Amino acid sequence: MLRIRLRRVGAKKQPSYRIVVADSRAPRDGAFVEQVGHYNPLTDPPTITLDEDKVVKWLRQGAQPSEPVERMLKKMGTLERLKGQ
């Protein structure tokens, strides 16, 4: 099963995350299928950048978001956009 989840990048004590589509069995920072955005928790407010078209495409194909990514999608209104179409 494919999951939309966070992949940690950045220096020690300076985390930054890429939002990727990856196999659920792959390690957190391992192989992924496609990058669909990024998240920086250190800015105020935290920066979330998504390619919503790619996210919607993967959700329609059956990819499941992880809990943190699902909260981000709800906050940005992407899940409502998916349900509305």
Protein backbone atom coordinates (compact mmCIF):
# COMPACT_ATOMS: atom_id res chain seq x y z
CA MET A 1 0.00 0.00 0.00
CA LEU A 2 1.19 3.51 -0.76
CA ARG A 3 1.21 6.19 1.93
CA ILE A 4 1.57 9.95 1.75
CA ARG A 5 3.95 10.72 4.61
CA LEU A 6 6.78 12.89 5.89
CA ARG A 7 10.43 12.27 5.05
CA ARG A 8 12.91 14.04 7.34
CA VAL A 9 15.67 16.12 5.79
CA GLY A 10 17.84 18.90 7.15
CA ALA A 11 20.66 19.21 9.65
CA LYS A 12 20.70 17.97 13.22
CA LYS A 13 18.28 19.99 15.37
CA GLN A 14 17.09 21.80 12.20
CA PRO A 15 14.39 19.47 10.84
CA SER A 16 12.63 20.01 7.58
CA TYR A 17 10.34 17.49 5.93
CA ARG A 18 9.42 16.48 2.40
CA ILE A 19 5.91 15.19 1.83
CA VAL A 20 6.31 12.07 -0.30
CA VAL A 21 4.34 9.14 -1.66
CA ALA A 22 6.10 5.96 -0.53
CA ASP A 23 5.47 2.26 -0.03
CA SER A 24 4.26 1.69 3.52
CA ARG A 25 7.02 -0.91 4.09
CA ALA A 26 9.86 1.46 3.09
CA PRO A 27 11.89 3.13 5.87
CA ARG A 28 11.06 6.73 6.83
CA ASP A 29 13.98 8.22 4.89
CA GLY A 30 14.13 5.44 2.29
CA ALA A 31 12.91 5.12 -1.28
CA PHE A 32 9.81 7.02 -2.38
CA VAL A 33 7.67 7.19 -5.51
CA GLU A 34 7.10 10.95 -5.80
CA GLN A 35 7.60 14.14 -3.83
CA VAL A 36 4.39 16.17 -3.52
CA GLY A 37 5.40 18.99 -1.16
CA HIS A 38 7.43 20.09 1.84
CA TYR A 39 6.88 21.18 5.44
CA ASN A 40 9.06 23.41 7.62
CA PRO A 41 8.02 23.40 11.30
CA LEU A 42 10.66 25.95 12.35
CA THR A 43 9.06 28.99 10.72
CA ASP A 44 6.33 30.92 12.50
CA PRO A 45 3.72 29.87 11.40
CA PRO A 46 4.97 26.51 10.02
CA THR A 47 5.31 26.50 6.24
CA ILE A 48 3.37 23.87 4.29
CA THR A 49 3.73 23.73 0.51
CA LEU A 50 1.77 21.13 -1.46
CA ASP A 51 1.15 20.34 -5.10
CA GLU A 52 -2.56 19.73 -4.53
CA ASP A 53 -3.12 18.23 -7.99
CA LYS A 54 -0.55 15.51 -7.31
CA VAL A 55 -1.93 14.85 -3.82
CA VAL A 56 -5.49 14.50 -5.14
CA LYS A 57 -4.24 12.21 -7.94
CA TRP A 58 -2.53 9.89 -5.44
CA LEU A 59 -5.48 9.91 -3.04
CA ARG A 60 -7.79 8.88 -5.90
CA GLN A 61 -5.40 6.05 -6.75
CA GLY A 62 -5.71 4.71 -3.20
CA ALA A 63 -2.74 6.20 -1.33
CA GLN A 64 -3.46 6.70 2.38
CA PRO A 65 -2.14 9.78 4.22
CA SER A 66 -0.31 9.37 7.52
CA GLU A 67 -1.88 11.08 10.55
CA PRO A 68 0.33 14.23 10.42
CA VAL A 69 -0.18 14.58 6.67
CA GLU A 70 -3.93 14.06 7.05
CA ARG A 71 -4.05 16.94 9.58
CA MET A 72 -2.16 19.14 7.10
CA LEU A 73 -4.53 18.21 4.27
CA LYS A 74 -7.56 19.04 6.43
CA LYS A 75 -6.00 22.35 7.46
CA MET A 76 -5.34 23.31 3.83
CA GLY A 77 -8.77 22.12 2.63
CA THR A 78 -7.44 19.51 0.21
CA LEU A 79 -9.55 16.67 1.62
CA GLU A 80 -12.72 18.75 1.24
CA ARG A 81 -11.71 19.51 -2.35
CA LEU A 82 -11.33 15.79 -3.00
CA LYS A 83 -14.76 14.98 -1.50
CA GLY A 84 -16.39 17.80 -3.45
CA GLN A 85 -15.37 16.48 -6.85
